[in-house]
Amino acid sequence: MNSQFIIFFAVFFTVYSSVNYYIGLRGWQALGKFLPAGYGAAYWFIFLLLAVSYIAGRFGQNLLPAVVSNSLIVAGSYWLAAMHLFFFIFITIDLVGLFGRKLGWLTGDMERFRVGTGLIAVILVVCLIIYGVWNARNPRLVHYEINIAKPAGSLEKLRVVMISDIHLGRIVNNGRLMNLIEMVNAQEPDLVLLPGDIIDENIDPFVEQRMADSLLMLKPKYGTFAVFGNHEYIGGHSEEAFSHLQSAGVKVLRDSYLIVEDSFYIVGRDDRTRERFQGQRRQELSAVMDGLDLSLPVILLDHQPYDLAESQEQGVDLQLSGHTHLGQLFPFNFITKRMFEIDWGYLRKGDLHVIVSCGFGTWGPPIRLGNTPEAVSIVINFIN
């Protein structure tokens, strides 16, 4: 274990513990007076169990019974969302209280202020969690229509459905996958494209729930194509995922391309995370596209929407990406907006069209706040 790894985890656990202690203390200030005498130990035990549940479940997957580790991970996933919300709400309340006292416009019993605002915070977080869970489970269909000024054989139009960041696993289970497949098939697409993070880090639920059989129910005219995202590599199951997806009728492109119906190309870039987890750097886009006929339309799948200028320079007509989740939880959307040239929606760069999806599933907390999960319907018109 190298020193950087030790330092990272030391900092992480220090920050994580401090944030949880602060939330636990503020929660006790809000709820402690309403609990029967002697229940303080029970409060702190339950709070500690919630705070460590996600970490304990993840690190204990190979030691604990599956039902225990899975329950801890699910409970911990919800707590991560609650922790995020509690921290921002409590810190806002405490800053208002601090400056209110300093400026003299907040007077009176500060204990009553802490209790009252603490109760409001608890109610607000519960409501936001309920809404966020509902929101995450009710995806919408987003529509785009673009024109590509190239002939595509006899094709004048192509109906594409893109679904990024499905994160199939414990949270996005086979039932939700079946709902997605019904949504996709209802569009009668010519093409289904999956730009990464199809399977979450643990591949076991995908296998156990026979999700490959469900994916076989997708019925696009010209097939289903995919690339890997960072989570296929983070989970350490990239080769197994490749095999399962291929058996599900999903053609996974890894720094390669295919020509479809002698009319257009689909280019798939391997994810940039591969270098970190497998020590193999992905190829340059120029090498991936070597030998490709640029007189035909080129659709590029690249999980992370970086290096858009490179795609433009190489003659890509349409790039489809995901990865950002649009922050998933407000206010992280402000971070993704700074990280990427486009973190959601449509962008035109010269002859290059870029569409970035905020994704269908969730990672970590199974909620979405400030954005709505989606599948993306795209009509491509080919203009001679």
Protein backbone atom coordinates (compact mmCIF):
# COMPACT_ATOMS: atom_id res chain seq x y z
CA MET A 1 0.00 0.00 0.00
CA ASN A 2 1.70 3.21 -1.15
CA SER A 3 1.89 6.43 0.83
CA GLN A 4 -0.50 8.35 -1.47
CA PHE A 5 -3.17 5.69 -0.92
CA ILE A 6 -2.70 5.92 2.87
CA ILE A 7 -2.83 9.72 2.85
CA PHE A 8 -5.97 9.74 0.69
CA PHE A 9 -7.86 7.38 2.99
CA ALA A 10 -6.62 9.18 6.12
CA VAL A 11 -7.97 12.47 4.78
CA PHE A 12 -11.18 10.84 3.57
CA PHE A 13 -11.97 9.15 6.88
CA THR A 14 -11.11 12.30 8.84
CA VAL A 15 -13.45 14.44 6.74
CA TYR A 16 -16.16 11.76 6.63
CA SER A 17 -16.04 11.24 10.41
CA SER A 18 -16.06 14.98 11.11
CA VAL A 19 -19.06 15.61 8.86
CA ASN A 20 -21.00 12.75 10.42
CA TYR A 21 -20.18 13.84 13.96
CA TYR A 22 -21.38 17.36 13.16
CA ILE A 23 -24.64 16.02 11.70
CA GLY A 24 -25.12 13.63 14.61
CA LEU A 25 -24.59 16.43 17.14
CA ARG A 26 -27.03 18.76 15.39
CA GLY A 27 -29.53 15.93 15.08
CA TRP A 28 -29.26 15.24 18.81
CA GLN A 29 -29.81 18.93 19.55
CA ALA A 30 -33.00 18.78 17.49
CA LEU A 31 -34.36 15.41 18.64
CA GLY A 32 -32.75 14.73 22.02
CA LYS A 33 -35.35 16.64 24.05
CA PHE A 34 -38.16 14.60 22.51
CA LEU A 35 -36.68 11.17 23.27
CA PRO A 36 -37.39 9.35 26.54
CA ALA A 37 -34.67 9.51 29.20
CA GLY A 38 -31.85 7.07 28.63
CA TYR A 39 -32.36 6.83 24.88
CA GLY A 40 -29.25 8.84 24.04
CA ALA A 41 -27.15 5.70 23.66
CA ALA A 42 -29.72 4.20 21.30
CA TYR A 43 -29.73 7.38 19.20
CA TRP A 44 -25.95 7.38 18.83
CA PHE A 45 -25.83 3.63 18.13
CA ILE A 46 -28.36 3.92 15.31
CA PHE A 47 -26.63 7.00 13.97
CA LEU A 48 -23.22 5.29 14.01
CA LEU A 49 -24.69 2.24 12.27
CA LEU A 50 -26.07 4.43 9.49
CA ALA A 51 -22.84 6.39 9.18
CA VAL A 52 -20.66 3.30 8.70
CA SER A 53 -23.17 1.10 6.85
CA TYR A 54 -22.04 1.85 3.29
CA ILE A 55 -18.34 1.47 4.07
CA ALA A 56 -18.95 -1.67 6.15
CA GLY A 57 -21.09 -3.21 3.44
CA ARG A 58 -18.58 -2.52 0.68
CA PHE A 59 -15.53 -3.73 2.59
CA GLY A 60 -17.42 -6.67 4.08
CA GLN A 61 -18.77 -8.12 0.84
CA ASN A 62 -16.40 -11.07 0.98
CA LEU A 63 -16.72 -11.58 4.74
CA LEU A 64 -20.40 -11.04 5.57
CA PRO A 65 -23.44 -13.00 4.37
CA ALA A 66 -24.71 -11.51 1.12
CA VAL A 67 -28.02 -10.43 2.66
CA VAL A 68 -26.17 -8.50 5.38
CA SER A 69 -23.65 -6.77 3.11
CA ASN A 70 -26.36 -5.93 0.55
CA SER A 71 -28.62 -4.49 3.26
CA LEU A 72 -25.77 -2.38 4.63
CA ILE A 73 -24.89 -1.05 1.17
CA VAL A 74 -28.50 -0.14 0.35
CA ALA A 75 -29.08 1.54 3.73
CA GLY A 76 -25.72 3.29 3.43
CA SER A 77 -26.56 4.54 -0.05
CA TYR A 78 -29.61 6.34 1.30
CA TRP A 79 -27.55 7.68 4.20
CA LEU A 80 -24.99 9.17 1.78
CA ALA A 81 -27.79 11.24 0.27
CA ALA A 82 -29.16 12.20 3.69
CA MET A 83 -25.67 13.10 4.90
CA HIS A 84 -25.14 15.36 1.90
CA LEU A 85 -28.44 17.15 2.50
CA PHE A 86 -28.09 17.40 6.29
CA PHE A 87 -24.62 18.89 6.00
CA PHE A 88 -25.61 21.65 3.58
CA ILE A 89 -28.82 22.47 5.45
CA PHE A 90 -27.26 22.45 8.92
CA ILE A 91 -24.25 24.49 7.85
CA THR A 92 -26.58 27.05 6.23
CA ILE A 93 -28.71 27.25 9.39
CA ASP A 94 -25.67 27.63 11.63
CA LEU A 95 -24.15 30.35 9.44
CA VAL A 96 -27.47 32.23 9.46
CA GLY A 97 -27.57 31.87 13.25
CA LEU A 98 -23.97 33.03 13.64
CA PHE A 99 -24.32 36.13 11.47
CA GLY A 100 -27.80 36.80 12.83
CA ARG A 101 -26.42 37.06 16.36
CA LYS A 102 -23.46 39.13 15.20
CA LEU A 103 -25.70 41.60 13.35
CA GLY A 104 -28.25 41.73 16.15
CA TRP A 105 -31.33 40.73 14.15
CA LEU A 106 -31.49 37.25 15.68
CA THR A 107 -32.18 37.40 19.40
CA GLY A 108 -33.89 35.21 21.94
CA ASP A 109 -33.32 31.66 23.13
CA MET A 110 -30.69 30.13 20.83
CA GLU A 111 -31.43 26.64 22.13
CA ARG A 112 -35.01 26.97 20.88
CA PHE A 113 -33.62 28.24 17.56
CA ARG A 114 -31.38 25.17 17.23
CA VAL A 115 -34.20 22.78 18.17
CA GLY A 116 -36.72 24.41 15.85
CA THR A 117 -34.43 24.70 12.86
CA GLY A 118 -33.11 21.19 13.50
CA LEU A 119 -36.62 19.75 13.34
CA ILE A 120 -37.28 21.70 10.15
CA ALA A 121 -34.03 20.28 8.70
CA VAL A 122 -35.05 16.69 9.54
CA ILE A 123 -38.48 17.13 7.95
CA LEU A 124 -36.96 18.82 4.88
CA VAL A 125 -34.39 16.06 4.37
CA VAL A 126 -37.01 13.33 4.68
CA CYS A 127 -39.18 15.09 2.08
CA LEU A 128 -36.24 15.61 -0.27
CA ILE A 129 -35.19 11.96 0.04
CA ILE A 130 -38.72 10.78 -0.76
CA TYR A 131 -38.92 13.10 -3.76
CA GLY A 132 -35.39 12.18 -4.91
CA VAL A 133 -36.19 8.47 -4.82
CA TRP A 134 -39.40 9.03 -6.80
CA ASN A 135 -37.57 11.27 -9.27
CA ALA A 136 -34.79 8.70 -9.80
CA ARG A 137 -37.35 6.02 -10.59
CA ASN A 138 -39.35 8.06 -13.08
CA PRO A 139 -37.18 8.72 -16.13
CA ARG A 140 -38.29 10.85 -19.02
CA LEU A 141 -37.70 10.55 -22.75
CA VAL A 142 -35.75 13.49 -24.18
CA HIS A 143 -35.93 14.22 -27.93
CA TYR A 144 -33.37 15.73 -30.29
CA GLU A 145 -33.37 16.08 -34.07
CA ILE A 146 -30.19 16.86 -35.99
CA ASN A 147 -29.09 17.14 -39.61
CA ILE A 148 -25.85 15.61 -40.89
CA ALA A 149 -24.80 16.94 -44.27
CA LYS A 150 -23.61 13.61 -45.64
CA PRO A 151 -25.28 10.84 -47.62
CA ALA A 152 -25.82 7.56 -45.80
CA GLY A 153 -26.44 5.13 -48.64
CA SER A 154 -30.17 4.68 -49.11
CA LEU A 155 -30.94 5.98 -45.61
CA GLU A 156 -32.56 9.39 -45.32
CA LYS A 157 -33.29 9.18 -41.60
CA LEU A 158 -32.09 7.22 -38.59
CA ARG A 159 -34.03 6.81 -35.33
CA VAL A 160 -31.62 6.32 -32.43
CA VAL A 161 -32.23 5.73 -28.73
CA MET A 162 -29.28 6.42 -26.44
CA ILE A 163 -29.21 5.31 -22.80
CA SER A 164 -26.15 6.15 -20.75
CA ASP A 165 -25.20 5.32 -17.16
CA ILE A 166 -27.78 2.64 -16.48
CA HIS A 167 -25.70 1.23 -13.58
CA LEU A 168 -27.40 -2.15 -13.58
CA GLY A 169 -26.98 -3.78 -10.18
CA ARG A 170 -28.62 -3.83 -6.77
CA ILE A 171 -30.44 -0.51 -7.09
CA VAL A 172 -31.23 -0.49 -10.82
CA ASN A 173 -32.43 -4.07 -10.86
CA ASN A 174 -34.00 -6.26 -13.52
CA GLY A 175 -37.46 -4.84 -12.90
CA ARG A 176 -36.29 -1.35 -13.73
CA LEU A 177 -34.35 -2.69 -16.70
CA MET A 178 -37.54 -4.24 -18.08
CA ASN A 179 -39.32 -0.89 -17.74
CA LEU A 180 -36.46 0.72 -19.67
CA ILE A 181 -36.65 -1.90 -22.41
CA GLU A 182 -40.38 -1.29 -22.79
CA MET A 183 -39.71 2.45 -23.08
CA VAL A 184 -37.02 1.90 -25.71
CA ASN A 185 -38.94 -0.63 -27.80
CA ALA A 186 -41.97 1.66 -27.86
CA GLN A 187 -39.86 4.12 -29.89
CA GLU A 188 -39.24 1.46 -32.56
CA PRO A 189 -35.62 2.58 -32.95
CA ASP A 190 -33.30 1.71 -35.80
CA LEU A 191 -30.37 1.76 -33.40
CA VAL A 192 -29.80 1.54 -29.63
CA LEU A 193 -26.57 3.04 -28.29
CA LEU A 194 -25.20 2.62 -24.76
CA PRO A 195 -22.28 4.99 -24.05
CA GLY A 196 -20.89 3.42 -20.89
CA ASP A 197 -21.56 2.53 -17.24
CA ILE A 198 -24.05 -0.10 -18.30
CA ILE A 199 -23.21 -2.39 -15.37
CA ASP A 200 -22.42 -1.08 -11.91
CA GLU A 201 -19.25 -2.05 -10.07
CA ASN A 202 -20.53 -5.38 -8.75
CA ILE A 203 -21.50 -7.65 -11.63
CA ASP A 204 -23.13 -10.32 -9.41
CA PRO A 205 -26.69 -8.85 -9.45
CA PHE A 206 -26.48 -8.57 -13.26
CA VAL A 207 -25.66 -12.27 -13.49
CA GLU A 208 -27.98 -13.48 -10.72
CA GLN A 209 -31.01 -11.59 -12.11
CA ARG A 210 -30.26 -12.76 -15.68
CA MET A 211 -30.24 -9.23 -17.01
CA ALA A 212 -28.48 -10.39 -20.17
CA ASP A 213 -31.68 -12.25 -21.07
CA SER A 214 -33.62 -9.02 -20.58
CA LEU A 215 -31.27 -7.06 -22.84
CA LEU A 216 -31.94 -9.60 -25.58
CA MET A 217 -35.47 -8.18 -25.69
CA LEU A 218 -34.21 -4.93 -27.23
CA LYS A 219 -35.31 -4.98 -30.88
CA PRO A 220 -33.59 -2.19 -32.83
CA LYS A 221 -33.48 -2.67 -36.59
CA TYR A 222 -29.67 -2.36 -36.91
CA GLY A 223 -28.60 -3.59 -33.46
CA THR A 224 -27.44 -2.42 -30.05
CA PHE A 225 -23.93 -1.01 -29.64
CA ALA A 226 -22.02 0.02 -26.52
CA VAL A 227 -18.76 1.20 -25.03
CA PHE A 228 -17.43 0.82 -21.52
CA GLY A 229 -17.52 3.53 -18.91
CA ASN A 230 -15.39 4.02 -15.83
CA HIS A 231 -17.53 1.71 -13.67
CA GLU A 232 -16.92 -1.35 -15.81
CA TYR A 233 -13.23 -0.85 -14.94
CA ILE A 234 -13.61 0.32 -11.32
CA GLY A 235 -15.45 -2.89 -10.51
CA GLY A 236 -12.65 -4.99 -11.99
CA HIS A 237 -15.10 -7.00 -14.12
CA SER A 238 -14.48 -5.52 -17.56
CA GLU A 239 -13.73 -8.80 -19.34
CA GLU A 240 -16.65 -10.58 -17.67
CA ALA A 241 -18.91 -7.63 -18.49
CA PHE A 242 -17.75 -7.76 -22.11
CA SER A 243 -18.66 -11.45 -22.36
CA HIS A 244 -22.09 -11.03 -20.75
CA LEU A 245 -23.00 -8.03 -22.90
CA GLN A 246 -21.91 -9.76 -26.09
CA SER A 247 -24.11 -12.73 -25.16
CA ALA A 248 -26.97 -10.26 -24.63
CA GLY A 249 -26.69 -9.10 -28.23
CA VAL A 250 -24.86 -5.89 -27.34
CA LYS A 251 -21.86 -5.23 -29.58
CA VAL A 252 -19.22 -3.66 -27.32
CA LEU A 253 -16.71 -1.50 -29.21
CA ARG A 254 -13.32 -1.04 -27.57
CA ASP A 255 -11.23 1.38 -29.62
CA SER A 256 -12.80 0.05 -32.80
CA TYR A 257 -15.47 0.84 -35.35
CA LEU A 258 -18.08 -0.89 -37.47
CA ILE A 259 -19.85 0.14 -40.64
CA VAL A 260 -23.61 -0.42 -40.53
CA GLU A 261 -25.57 -1.28 -43.68
CA ASP A 262 -22.71 0.22 -45.73
CA SER A 263 -24.29 3.55 -44.76
CA PHE A 264 -22.70 4.96 -41.59
CA TYR A 265 -20.02 4.23 -39.01
CA ILE A 266 -20.24 3.66 -35.29
CA VAL A 267 -16.93 4.32 -33.53
CA GLY A 268 -16.46 3.21 -29.93
CA ARG A 269 -13.69 4.57 -27.72
CA ASP A 270 -12.53 2.65 -24.70
CA ASP A 271 -12.89 4.62 -21.49
CA ARG A 272 -9.99 6.75 -20.32
CA THR A 273 -10.23 5.01 -16.90
CA ARG A 274 -8.77 1.83 -18.41
CA GLU A 275 -5.24 3.18 -18.01
CA ARG A 276 -5.69 3.70 -14.27
CA PHE A 277 -7.14 0.27 -13.55
CA GLN A 278 -5.50 -1.94 -16.19
CA GLY A 279 -2.36 0.00 -17.05
CA GLN A 280 -3.32 0.14 -20.73
CA ARG A 281 -3.91 3.52 -22.29
CA ARG A 282 -6.71 3.82 -24.80
CA GLN A 283 -5.76 4.58 -28.38
CA GLU A 284 -5.76 8.05 -29.86
CA LEU A 285 -8.93 8.77 -31.78
CA SER A 286 -6.93 9.20 -35.00
CA ALA A 287 -5.66 5.62 -34.62
CA VAL A 288 -9.12 4.26 -33.81
CA MET A 289 -10.57 5.90 -36.94
CA ASP A 290 -7.70 4.96 -39.24
CA GLY A 291 -9.05 3.67 -42.56
CA LEU A 292 -12.55 5.02 -42.00
CA ASP A 293 -14.29 6.67 -45.00
CA LEU A 294 -15.19 10.20 -43.85
CA SER A 295 -17.57 10.67 -46.75
CA LEU A 296 -20.04 8.60 -44.71
CA PRO A 297 -21.60 9.76 -41.41
CA VAL A 298 -19.59 8.96 -38.27
CA ILE A 299 -21.24 8.42 -34.86
CA LEU A 300 -18.82 8.28 -31.92
CA LEU A 301 -19.54 6.73 -28.52
CA ASP A 302 -17.23 8.04 -25.78
CA HIS A 303 -18.37 7.71 -22.18
CA GLN A 304 -16.78 10.88 -20.80
CA PRO A 305 -17.37 14.10 -22.77
CA TYR A 306 -13.76 15.26 -22.82
CA ASP A 307 -11.61 16.16 -25.87
CA LEU A 308 -14.46 17.43 -28.04
CA ALA A 309 -11.97 19.37 -30.14
CA GLU A 310 -10.26 16.07 -31.01
CA SER A 311 -13.56 14.60 -32.19
CA GLN A 312 -14.17 17.70 -34.30
CA GLU A 313 -10.69 17.55 -35.83
CA GLN A 314 -11.05 13.87 -36.76
CA GLY A 315 -14.28 14.44 -38.67
CA VAL A 316 -16.80 12.93 -36.24
CA ASP A 317 -20.35 14.01 -37.07
CA LEU A 318 -22.14 13.04 -33.83
CA GLN A 319 -20.62 12.29 -30.42
CA LEU A 320 -22.76 10.66 -27.72
CA SER A 321 -21.57 10.69 -24.12
CA GLY A 322 -22.81 10.40 -20.54
CA HIS A 323 -20.87 10.10 -17.27
CA THR A 324 -21.75 13.46 -15.71
CA HIS A 325 -25.15 12.52 -14.19
CA LEU A 326 -25.53 16.33 -14.24
CA GLY A 327 -24.16 16.13 -10.71
CA GLN A 328 -26.96 13.73 -9.65
CA LEU A 329 -27.38 15.67 -6.39
CA PHE A 330 -27.72 19.45 -6.32
CA PRO A 331 -25.43 21.47 -6.11
CA PHE A 332 -22.85 19.13 -7.72
CA ASN A 333 -24.17 20.21 -11.12
CA PHE A 334 -22.12 23.38 -10.67
CA ILE A 335 -18.99 21.20 -10.44
CA THR A 336 -19.81 19.20 -13.58
CA LYS A 337 -20.52 22.45 -15.43
CA ARG A 338 -16.96 23.58 -14.66
CA MET A 339 -15.40 20.20 -15.48
CA PHE A 340 -16.85 19.70 -18.95
CA GLU A 341 -17.41 21.85 -22.01
CA ILE A 342 -20.93 20.43 -21.95
CA ASP A 343 -22.27 18.38 -19.04
CA TRP A 344 -25.78 17.84 -20.39
CA GLY A 345 -27.79 18.53 -23.52
CA TYR A 346 -26.80 19.51 -27.04
CA LEU A 347 -23.76 21.37 -28.38
CA ARG A 348 -22.71 22.22 -31.93
CA LYS A 349 -18.99 22.64 -32.70
CA GLY A 350 -18.60 23.34 -36.39
CA ASP A 351 -19.79 20.17 -38.15
CA LEU A 352 -19.71 18.18 -34.89
CA HIS A 353 -22.94 17.55 -33.00
CA VAL A 354 -22.53 16.56 -29.33
CA ILE A 355 -25.27 15.14 -27.11
CA VAL A 356 -24.51 14.41 -23.45
CA SER A 357 -27.07 12.54 -21.35
CA CYS A 358 -27.43 12.86 -17.58
CA GLY A 359 -28.08 9.12 -17.56
CA PHE A 360 -30.80 6.67 -16.64
CA GLY A 361 -29.58 5.21 -13.35
CA THR A 362 -27.81 6.37 -10.22
CA TRP A 363 -24.51 5.67 -8.55
CA GLY A 364 -24.15 5.66 -4.77
CA PRO A 365 -27.22 7.45 -3.40
CA PRO A 366 -30.27 6.06 -5.26
CA ILE A 367 -31.80 9.51 -5.60
CA ARG A 368 -31.66 12.44 -8.01
CA LEU A 369 -32.12 16.08 -7.06
CA GLY A 370 -31.84 18.93 -9.53
CA ASN A 371 -32.06 16.71 -12.62
CA THR A 372 -34.26 13.99 -14.09
CA PRO A 373 -33.06 10.57 -15.35
CA GLU A 374 -33.58 10.06 -19.04
CA ALA A 375 -33.44 7.99 -22.16
CA VAL A 376 -32.58 10.01 -25.27
CA SER A 377 -34.40 9.75 -28.58
CA ILE A 378 -32.50 11.18 -31.55
CA VAL A 379 -33.72 11.57 -35.12
CA ILE A 380 -30.80 11.98 -37.54
CA ASN A 381 -31.59 13.38 -40.96
CA PHE A 382 -28.98 12.68 -43.64
CA ILE A 383 -28.84 15.47 -46.19
CA ASN A 384 -27.09 14.93 -49.53
